[in-house]
PDB file of N, CA and C in Angstrom:
ATOM      1  N   UNK A   1      -8.919  -2.650 -11.653  1.00  0.00           N
ATOM      2  CA  UNK A   1      -9.401  -1.903 -10.208  1.00  0.00           C
ATOM      3  C   UNK A   1      -9.878  -0.837 -11.076  1.00  0.00           C
ATOM      4  N   UNK A   2     -11.167  -0.048 -10.739  1.00  0.00           N
ATOM      5  CA  UNK A   2     -11.688   0.891 -11.324  1.00  0.00           C
ATOM      6  C   UNK A   2     -11.837   2.034 -10.579  1.00  0.00           C
ATOM      7  N   UNK A   3     -11.866   3.223 -11.456  1.00  0.00           N
ATOM      8  CA  UNK A   3     -12.405   4.549 -10.274  1.00  0.00           C
ATOM      9  C   UNK A   3     -13.772   4.845 -11.043  1.00  0.00           C
ATOM     10  N   UNK A   4     -14.555   4.561  -9.633  1.00  0.00           N
ATOM     11  CA  UNK A   4     -15.984   5.012  -9.859  1.00  0.00           C
ATOM     12  C   UNK A   4     -16.526   6.526  -9.362  1.00  0.00           C
ATOM     13  N   UNK A   5     -17.348   7.459  -9.857  1.00  0.00           N
ATOM     14  CA  UNK A   5     -17.171   8.754  -9.831  1.00  0.00           C
ATOM     15  C   UNK A   5     -18.323   8.859  -8.844  1.00  0.00           C
ATOM     16  N   UNK A   6     -19.008   9.504  -7.949  1.00  0.00           N
ATOM     17  CA  UNK A   6     -20.153   9.847  -6.944  1.00  0.00           C
ATOM     18  C   UNK A   6     -19.661  11.236  -6.920  1.00  0.00           C
ATOM     19  N   UNK A   7     -21.154  12.125  -7.787  1.00  0.00           N
ATOM     20  CA  UNK A   7     -21.352  13.534  -7.969  1.00  0.00           C
ATOM     21  C   UNK A   7     -22.299  13.979  -6.649  1.00  0.00           C
ATOM     22  N   UNK A   8     -21.615  15.031  -6.033  1.00  0.00           N
ATOM     23  CA  UNK A   8     -22.402  15.529  -4.744  1.00  0.00           C
ATOM     24  C   UNK A   8     -22.600  17.055  -5.440  1.00  0.00           C
ATOM     25  N   UNK A   9     -23.875  17.779  -4.398  1.00  0.00           N
ATOM     26  CA  UNK A   9     -23.542  18.733  -4.277  1.00  0.00           C
ATOM     27  C   UNK A   9     -23.439  19.577  -3.293  1.00  0.00           C
ATOM     28  N   UNK A  10     -22.859  21.068  -2.345  1.00  0.00           N
ATOM     29  CA  UNK A  10     -22.937  21.182  -1.022  1.00  0.00           C
ATOM     30  C   UNK A  10     -24.320  21.214  -0.393  1.00  0.00           C
ATOM     31  N   UNK A  11     -25.255  21.622  -0.857  1.00  0.00           N
ATOM     32  CA  UNK A  11     -26.609  21.614  -0.157  1.00  0.00           C
ATOM     33  C   UNK A  11     -27.146  20.056   0.148  1.00  0.00           C
ATOM     34  N   UNK A  12     -26.413  19.328  -0.401  1.00  0.00           N
ATOM     35  CA  UNK A  12     -27.106  17.577  -0.097  1.00  0.00           C
ATOM     36  C   UNK A  12     -28.221  17.597   1.219  1.00  0.00           C
ATOM     37  N   UNK A  13     -28.977  16.521   0.811  1.00  0.00           N
ATOM     38  CA  UNK A  13     -29.872  16.768   1.894  1.00  0.00           C
ATOM     39  C   UNK A  13     -29.080  15.217   2.651  1.00  0.00           C
ATOM     40  N   UNK A  14     -30.062  14.698   3.542  1.00  0.00           N
ATOM     41  CA  UNK A  14     -29.140  14.176   4.641  1.00  0.00           C
ATOM     42  C   UNK A  14     -29.318  12.789   4.080  1.00  0.00           C
ATOM     43  N   UNK A  15     -30.444  12.215   3.361  1.00  0.00           N
ATOM     44  CA  UNK A  15     -31.049  10.496   2.849  1.00  0.00           C
ATOM     45  C   UNK A  15     -30.195  10.882   1.499  1.00  0.00           C
ATOM     46  N   UNK A  16     -30.008  11.663   0.721  1.00  0.00           N
ATOM     47  CA  UNK A  16     -29.063  11.244  -0.329  1.00  0.00           C
ATOM     48  C   UNK A  16     -27.953  10.882  -0.195  1.00  0.00           C
ATOM     49  N   UNK A  17     -27.309  11.599   1.089  1.00  0.00           N
ATOM     50  CA  UNK A  17     -25.742  12.084   1.442  1.00  0.00           C
ATOM     51  C   UNK A  17     -25.780  10.504   1.712  1.00  0.00           C
ATOM     52  N   UNK A  18     -26.509   9.951   2.707  1.00  0.00           N
ATOM     53  CA  UNK A  18     -26.485   8.144   3.123  1.00  0.00           C
ATOM     54  C   UNK A  18     -26.553   7.137   2.150  1.00  0.00           C
ATOM     55  N   UNK A  19     -27.415   8.075   1.127  1.00  0.00           N
ATOM     56  CA  UNK A  19     -27.261   7.047  -0.304  1.00  0.00           C
ATOM     57  C   UNK A  19     -25.895   6.682  -0.571  1.00  0.00           C
ATOM     58  N   UNK A  20     -25.324   7.803  -0.876  1.00  0.00           N
ATOM     59  CA  UNK A  20     -24.320   7.773  -1.540  1.00  0.00           C
ATOM     60  C   UNK A  20     -22.764   7.350  -0.680  1.00  0.00           C
ATOM     61  N   UNK A  21     -22.933   7.615   0.665  1.00  0.00           N
ATOM     62  CA  UNK A  21     -22.214   6.663   1.730  1.00  0.00           C
ATOM     63  C   UNK A  21     -22.352   5.127   1.203  1.00  0.00           C
ATOM     64  N   UNK A  22     -23.376   4.427   1.010  1.00  0.00           N
ATOM     65  CA  UNK A  22     -23.779   3.685   1.131  1.00  0.00           C
ATOM     66  C   UNK A  22     -23.176   2.997  -0.128  1.00  0.00           C
ATOM     67  N   UNK A  23     -23.175   3.442  -1.496  1.00  0.00           N
ATOM     68  CA  UNK A  23     -22.992   3.467  -3.026  1.00  0.00           C
ATOM     69  C   UNK A  23     -21.368   3.085  -2.878  1.00  0.00           C
ATOM     70  N   UNK A  24     -20.662   4.433  -2.038  1.00  0.00           N
ATOM     71  CA  UNK A  24     -18.847   4.219  -1.608  1.00  0.00           C
ATOM     72  C   UNK A  24     -18.939   3.089  -1.393  1.00  0.00           C
ATOM     73  N   UNK A  25     -19.264   2.761  -0.159  1.00  0.00           N
ATOM     74  CA  UNK A  25     -18.996   1.490   0.734  1.00  0.00           C
ATOM     75  C   UNK A  25     -19.178   0.476   0.146  1.00  0.00           C
ATOM     76  N   UNK A  26     -19.876   0.307  -0.653  1.00  0.00           N
ATOM     77  CA  UNK A  26     -19.926  -0.942  -1.832  1.00  0.00           C
ATOM     78  C   UNK A  26     -18.753  -1.083  -3.202  1.00  0.00           C
ATOM     79  N   UNK A  27     -18.807  -0.020  -3.758  1.00  0.00           N
ATOM     80  CA  UNK A  27     -17.824   0.520  -4.472  1.00  0.00           C
ATOM     81  C   UNK A  27     -16.088  -0.389  -3.724  1.00  0.00           C
ATOM     82  N   UNK A  28     -16.143   0.389  -2.726  1.00  0.00           N
ATOM     83  CA  UNK A  28     -14.776   0.014  -2.385  1.00  0.00           C
ATOM     84  C   UNK A  28     -14.798  -1.138  -1.548  1.00  0.00           C
ATOM     85  N   UNK A  29     -15.750  -2.105  -1.455  1.00  0.00           N
ATOM     86  CA  UNK A  29     -15.750  -3.388  -0.872  1.00  0.00           C
ATOM     87  C   UNK A  29     -15.669  -4.163  -1.981  1.00  0.00           C
ATOM     88  N   UNK A  30     -15.895  -4.053  -3.452  1.00  0.00           N
ATOM     89  CA  UNK A  30     -15.453  -4.807  -4.487  1.00  0.00           C
ATOM     90  C   UNK A  30     -14.129  -4.038  -5.144  1.00  0.00           C
ATOM     91  N   UNK A  31     -13.227  -3.462  -4.331  1.00  0.00           N
ATOM     92  CA  UNK A  31     -11.655  -3.159  -4.628  1.00  0.00           C
ATOM     93  C   UNK A  31     -11.534  -1.954  -5.622  1.00  0.00           C
ATOM     94  N   UNK A  32     -12.787  -1.233  -5.665  1.00  0.00           N
ATOM     95  CA  UNK A  32     -12.741  -0.066  -6.690  1.00  0.00           C
ATOM     96  C   UNK A  32     -12.413   1.193  -6.445  1.00  0.00           C
ATOM     97  N   UNK A  33     -11.562   2.327  -6.957  1.00  0.00           N
ATOM     98  CA  UNK A  33     -11.031   3.536  -6.029  1.00  0.00           C
ATOM     99  C   UNK A  33     -12.549   4.331  -6.796  1.00  0.00           C
ATOM    100  N   UNK A  34     -13.246   5.351  -5.278  1.00  0.00           N
ATOM    101  CA  UNK A  34     -13.982   5.975  -5.839  1.00  0.00           C
ATOM    102  C   UNK A  34     -13.425   7.412  -5.733  1.00  0.00           C
ATOM    103  N   UNK A  35     -14.282   8.320  -6.579  1.00  0.00           N
ATOM    104  CA  UNK A  35     -13.464   9.647  -6.688  1.00  0.00           C
ATOM    105  C   UNK A  35     -15.270  10.266  -6.184  1.00  0.00           C
ATOM    106  N   UNK A  36     -14.694  11.351  -5.682  1.00  0.00           N
ATOM    107  CA  UNK A  36     -16.303  12.169  -5.056  1.00  0.00           C
ATOM    108  C   UNK A  36     -15.963  13.359  -5.525  1.00  0.00           C
ATOM    109  N   UNK A  37     -16.872  13.736  -6.321  1.00  0.00           N
ATOM    110  CA  UNK A  37     -16.931  15.505  -6.809  1.00  0.00           C
ATOM    111  C   UNK A  37     -17.941  16.114  -6.891  1.00  0.00           C
ATOM    112  N   UNK A  38     -17.432  17.137  -5.854  1.00  0.00           N
ATOM    113  CA  UNK A  38     -19.008  18.579  -5.486  1.00  0.00           C
ATOM    114  C   UNK A  38     -18.661  19.488  -6.419  1.00  0.00           C
ATOM    115  N   UNK A  39     -20.010  19.435  -7.194  1.00  0.00           N
ATOM    116  CA  UNK A  39     -20.249  20.445  -8.465  1.00  0.00           C
ATOM    117  C   UNK A  39     -21.285  21.720  -7.599  1.00  0.00           C
ATOM    118  N   UNK A  40     -20.333  22.754  -8.350  1.00  0.00           N
ATOM    119  CA  UNK A  40     -21.219  23.726  -7.666  1.00  0.00           C
ATOM    120  C   UNK A  40     -21.764  24.709  -8.792  1.00  0.00           C
ATOM    121  N   UNK A  41     -22.959  25.484  -8.762  1.00  0.00           N
ATOM    122  CA  UNK A  41     -23.820  26.229  -9.229  1.00  0.00           C
ATOM    123  C   UNK A  41     -24.085  27.614  -9.161  1.00  0.00           C
ATOM    124  N   UNK A  42     -23.690  28.116  -9.637  1.00  0.00           N
ATOM    125  CA  UNK A  42     -23.966  30.225  -9.712  1.00  0.00           C
ATOM    126  C   UNK A  42     -23.391  30.515  -7.874  1.00  0.00           C
ATOM    127  N   UNK A  43     -24.154  30.680  -7.473  1.00  0.00           N
ATOM    128  CA  UNK A  43     -23.750  31.479  -5.849  1.00  0.00           C
ATOM    129  C   UNK A  43     -23.299  30.221  -4.881  1.00  0.00           C
ATOM    130  N   UNK A  44     -23.218  29.148  -5.319  1.00  0.00           N
ATOM    131  CA  UNK A  44     -22.377  28.254  -3.985  1.00  0.00           C
ATOM    132  C   UNK A  44     -21.168  28.276  -4.457  1.00  0.00           C
ATOM    133  N   UNK A  45     -20.596  29.206  -5.814  1.00  0.00           N
ATOM    134  CA  UNK A  45     -19.051  28.967  -5.676  1.00  0.00           C
ATOM    135  C   UNK A  45     -18.208  30.279  -4.542  1.00  0.00           C
ATOM    136  N   UNK A  46     -18.758  31.030  -3.570  1.00  0.00           N
ATOM    137  CA  UNK A  46     -18.905  31.705  -2.336  1.00  0.00           C
ATOM    138  C   UNK A  46     -19.185  30.596  -1.111  1.00  0.00           C
ATOM    139  N   UNK A  47     -19.811  29.397  -1.419  1.00  0.00           N
ATOM    140  CA  UNK A  47     -19.987  28.881  -0.237  1.00  0.00           C
ATOM    141  C   UNK A  47     -18.775  27.740   0.080  1.00  0.00           C
ATOM    142  N   UNK A  48     -17.648  27.530  -0.789  1.00  0.00           N
ATOM    143  CA  UNK A  48     -16.630  26.730  -0.509  1.00  0.00           C
ATOM    144  C   UNK A  48     -16.764  25.857   1.068  1.00  0.00           C
ATOM    145  N   UNK A  49     -16.533  26.616   1.719  1.00  0.00           N
ATOM    146  CA  UNK A  49     -16.755  25.990   3.224  1.00  0.00           C
ATOM    147  C   UNK A  49     -17.988  24.930   3.442  1.00  0.00           C
ATOM    148  N   UNK A  50     -18.979  25.056   2.587  1.00  0.00           N
ATOM    149  CA  UNK A  50     -19.900  24.051   2.696  1.00  0.00           C
ATOM    150  C   UNK A  50     -19.584  22.723   2.299  1.00  0.00           C
ATOM    151  N   UNK A  51     -19.211  22.786   0.974  1.00  0.00           N
ATOM    152  CA  UNK A  51     -18.468  21.326   0.087  1.00  0.00           C
ATOM    153  C   UNK A  51     -17.246  20.931   0.698  1.00  0.00           C
ATOM    154  N   UNK A  52     -16.032  21.437   1.097  1.00  0.00           N
ATOM    155  CA  UNK A  52     -15.331  21.188   1.730  1.00  0.00           C
ATOM    156  C   UNK A  52     -15.962  20.062   3.070  1.00  0.00           C
ATOM    157  N   UNK A  53     -16.768  21.016   4.151  1.00  0.00           N
ATOM    158  CA  UNK A  53     -17.028  20.228   5.010  1.00  0.00           C
ATOM    159  C   UNK A  53     -17.917  18.844   4.794  1.00  0.00           C
ATOM    160  N   UNK A  54     -18.525  18.518   3.757  1.00  0.00           N
ATOM    161  CA  UNK A  54     -19.148  17.349   3.073  1.00  0.00           C
ATOM    162  C   UNK A  54     -18.724  16.025   2.660  1.00  0.00           C
ATOM    163  N   UNK A  55     -17.314  16.827   2.235  1.00  0.00           N
ATOM    164  CA  UNK A  55     -16.383  16.151   1.920  1.00  0.00           C
ATOM    165  C   UNK A  55     -15.447  15.487   3.187  1.00  0.00           C
ATOM    166  N   UNK A  56     -15.599  16.227   4.037  1.00  0.00           N
ATOM    167  CA  UNK A  56     -14.991  16.034   5.236  1.00  0.00           C
ATOM    168  C   UNK A  56     -15.565  15.084   6.263  1.00  0.00           C
ATOM    169  N   UNK A  57     -16.842  15.056   6.261  1.00  0.00           N
ATOM    170  CA  UNK A  57     -17.480  14.684   6.621  1.00  0.00           C
ATOM    171  C   UNK A  57     -17.615  12.556   6.092  1.00  0.00           C
ATOM    172  N   UNK A  58     -17.484  13.337   4.496  1.00  0.00           N
ATOM    173  CA  UNK A  58     -16.788  11.878   3.968  1.00  0.00           C
ATOM    174  C   UNK A  58     -16.183  10.665   4.809  1.00  0.00           C
ATOM    175  N   UNK A  59     -15.059  11.786   4.758  1.00  0.00           N
ATOM    176  CA  UNK A  59     -13.443  10.861   5.101  1.00  0.00           C
ATOM    177  C   UNK A  59     -14.068  10.471   6.288  1.00  0.00           C
ATOM    178  N   UNK A  60     -15.045  11.283   7.492  1.00  0.00           N
ATOM    179  CA  UNK A  60     -14.523  10.517   8.812  1.00  0.00           C
ATOM    180  C   UNK A  60     -16.117   9.638   8.664  1.00  0.00           C
ATOM    181  N   UNK A  61     -16.973   9.194   7.773  1.00  0.00           N
ATOM    182  CA  UNK A  61     -17.769   8.372   7.341  1.00  0.00           C
ATOM    183  C   UNK A  61     -17.696   7.094   7.148  1.00  0.00           C
ATOM    184  N   UNK A  62     -16.240   7.337   6.210  1.00  0.00           N
ATOM    185  CA  UNK A  62     -15.422   5.745   5.978  1.00  0.00           C
ATOM    186  C   UNK A  62     -13.985   5.761   6.344  1.00  0.00           C
ATOM    187  N   UNK A  63     -13.673   6.165   8.094  1.00  0.00           N
ATOM    188  CA  UNK A  63     -12.573   5.854   7.878  1.00  0.00           C
ATOM    189  C   UNK A  63     -11.994   4.903   8.758  1.00  0.00           C
ATOM    190  N   UNK A  64     -10.990   4.083   8.240  1.00  0.00           N
ATOM    191  CA  UNK A  64     -10.865   2.828   8.563  1.00  0.00           C
ATOM    192  C   UNK A  64     -11.175   2.259   7.361  1.00  0.00           C
ATOM    193  N   UNK A  65     -11.734   2.247   6.761  1.00  0.00           N
ATOM    194  CA  UNK A  65     -12.242   1.449   5.564  1.00  0.00           C
ATOM    195  C   UNK A  65     -11.119   2.151   3.601  1.00  0.00           C
ATOM    196  N   UNK A  66     -10.527   3.362   4.101  1.00  0.00           N
ATOM    197  CA  UNK A  66     -10.244   4.211   2.543  1.00  0.00           C
ATOM    198  C   UNK A  66      -8.649   4.439   3.554  1.00  0.00           C
ATOM    199  N   UNK A  67      -8.239   4.972   1.957  1.00  0.00           N
ATOM    200  CA  UNK A  67      -6.984   5.854   2.195  1.00  0.00           C
ATOM    201  C   UNK A  67      -6.964   7.126   1.132  1.00  0.00           C
ATOM    202  N   UNK A  68      -6.246   7.912   1.605  1.00  0.00           N
ATOM    203  CA  UNK A  68      -6.774   8.909   0.761  1.00  0.00           C
ATOM    204  C   UNK A  68      -5.841   9.040  -0.492  1.00  0.00           C
ATOM    205  N   UNK A  69      -6.168   8.855  -1.839  1.00  0.00           N
ATOM    206  CA  UNK A  69      -5.019   9.195  -3.109  1.00  0.00           C
ATOM    207  C   UNK A  69      -4.935  10.417  -3.582  1.00  0.00           C
ATOM    208  N   UNK A  70      -6.036  11.602  -3.437  1.00  0.00           N
ATOM    209  CA  UNK A  70      -6.287  12.796  -3.391  1.00  0.00           C
ATOM    210  C   UNK A  70      -6.837  13.716  -2.837  1.00  0.00           C
ATOM    211  N   UNK A  71      -6.328  14.519  -2.059  1.00  0.00           N
ATOM    212  CA  UNK A  71      -6.687  15.401  -1.537  1.00  0.00           C
ATOM    213  C   UNK A  71      -7.751  16.208  -1.727  1.00  0.00           C
ATOM    214  N   UNK A  72      -9.025  16.694  -1.003  1.00  0.00           N
ATOM    215  CA  UNK A  72     -10.397  17.518  -1.988  1.00  0.00           C
ATOM    216  C   UNK A  72      -9.087  18.670  -2.522  1.00  0.00           C
ATOM    217  N   UNK A  73      -9.542  19.117  -4.129  1.00  0.00           N
ATOM    218  CA  UNK A  73      -9.016  20.048  -3.985  1.00  0.00           C
ATOM    219  C   UNK A  73      -9.963  20.896  -5.732  1.00  0.00           C
ATOM    220  N   UNK A  74     -10.183  22.500  -5.345  1.00  0.00           N
ATOM    221  CA  UNK A  74     -10.844  22.873  -6.291  1.00  0.00           C
ATOM    222  C   UNK A  74     -10.300  22.826  -8.075  1.00  0.00           C
ATOM    223  N   UNK A  75     -10.908  22.543  -8.738  1.00  0.00           N
ATOM    224  CA  UNK A  75     -10.524  22.554 -10.447  1.00  0.00           C
ATOM    225  C   UNK A  75     -11.683  23.166 -11.028  1.00  0.00           C
ATOM    226  N   UNK A  76     -11.440  24.373 -11.016  1.00  0.00           N
ATOM    227  CA  UNK A  76     -13.020  25.107 -12.385  1.00  0.00           C
ATOM    228  C   UNK A  76     -13.986  25.339 -11.041  1.00  0.00           C
ATOM    229  N   UNK A  77     -15.283  24.681 -11.945  1.00  0.00           N
ATOM    230  CA  UNK A  77     -16.325  24.683 -10.999  1.00  0.00           C
ATOM    231  C   UNK A  77     -16.300  23.804  -9.889  1.00  0.00           C
ATOM    232  N   UNK A  78     -15.737  22.604  -9.557  1.00  0.00           N
ATOM    233  CA  UNK A  78     -16.245  21.277  -8.940  1.00  0.00           C
ATOM    234  C   UNK A  78     -14.550  21.401  -8.074  1.00  0.00           C
ATOM    235  N   UNK A  79     -14.739  20.579  -6.938  1.00  0.00           N
ATOM    236  CA  UNK A  79     -14.128  20.045  -6.061  1.00  0.00           C
ATOM    237  C   UNK A  79     -14.051  18.362  -6.540  1.00  0.00           C
ATOM    238  N   UNK A  80     -12.949  17.862  -5.959  1.00  0.00           N
ATOM    239  CA  UNK A  80     -12.641  16.800  -6.308  1.00  0.00           C
ATOM    240  C   UNK A  80     -11.457  16.370  -5.463  1.00  0.00           C
ATOM    241  N   UNK A  81     -12.054  14.559  -4.722  1.00  0.00           N
ATOM    242  CA  UNK A  81     -11.341  13.973  -3.790  1.00  0.00           C
ATOM    243  C   UNK A  81     -11.396  12.375  -4.252  1.00  0.00           C
ATOM    244  N   UNK A  82     -10.048  11.932  -4.526  1.00  0.00           N
ATOM    245  CA  UNK A  82      -9.970  10.367  -4.720  1.00  0.00           C
ATOM    246  C   UNK A  82      -9.588   9.526  -3.814  1.00  0.00           C
ATOM    247  N   UNK A  83     -10.667   8.178  -3.167  1.00  0.00           N
ATOM    248  CA  UNK A  83      -9.904   7.243  -2.101  1.00  0.00           C
ATOM    249  C   UNK A  83     -10.024   6.286  -2.645  1.00  0.00           C
ATOM    250  N   UNK A  84      -8.692   5.489  -1.920  1.00  0.00           N
ATOM    251  CA  UNK A  84      -9.082   3.616  -2.395  1.00  0.00           C
ATOM    252  C   UNK A  84      -9.296   3.057  -1.570  1.00  0.00           C
ATOM    253  N   UNK A  85      -9.747   1.527  -0.981  1.00  0.00           N
ATOM    254  CA  UNK A  85      -9.872   0.774  -0.332  1.00  0.00           C
ATOM    255  C   UNK A  85      -8.332   0.795   0.229  1.00  0.00           C
ATOM    256  N   UNK A  86      -8.559   0.615   1.850  1.00  0.00           N
ATOM    257  CA  UNK A  86      -7.620   0.233   2.312  1.00  0.00           C
ATOM    258  C   UNK A  86      -7.627  -1.163   2.683  1.00  0.00           C
ATOM    259  N   UNK A  87      -5.769  -1.752   2.193  1.00  0.00           N
ATOM    260  CA  UNK A  87      -5.953  -3.607   2.564  1.00  0.00           C
ATOM    261  C   UNK A  87      -5.011  -3.741   3.592  1.00  0.00           C
TER     262      UNK A  87
END
């Protein structure tokens, strides 16, 4: 089992978001854990809510496929969350 990382931004476009979800589903189906990293630049640090909202949307879209290993938490200029496949 490996940890695959997917990097996101708070202002992610819908198509880019869908591509990341598709990649996450592929990694999970292979039995890997997925680490979502929300990276903030400049003034985006003031918009923590937007990044947290994107991560919550990911949890909703992958519901039933995952279990949460690590809740979303801030570390410096990035917010991280780790999920693993539900068996």
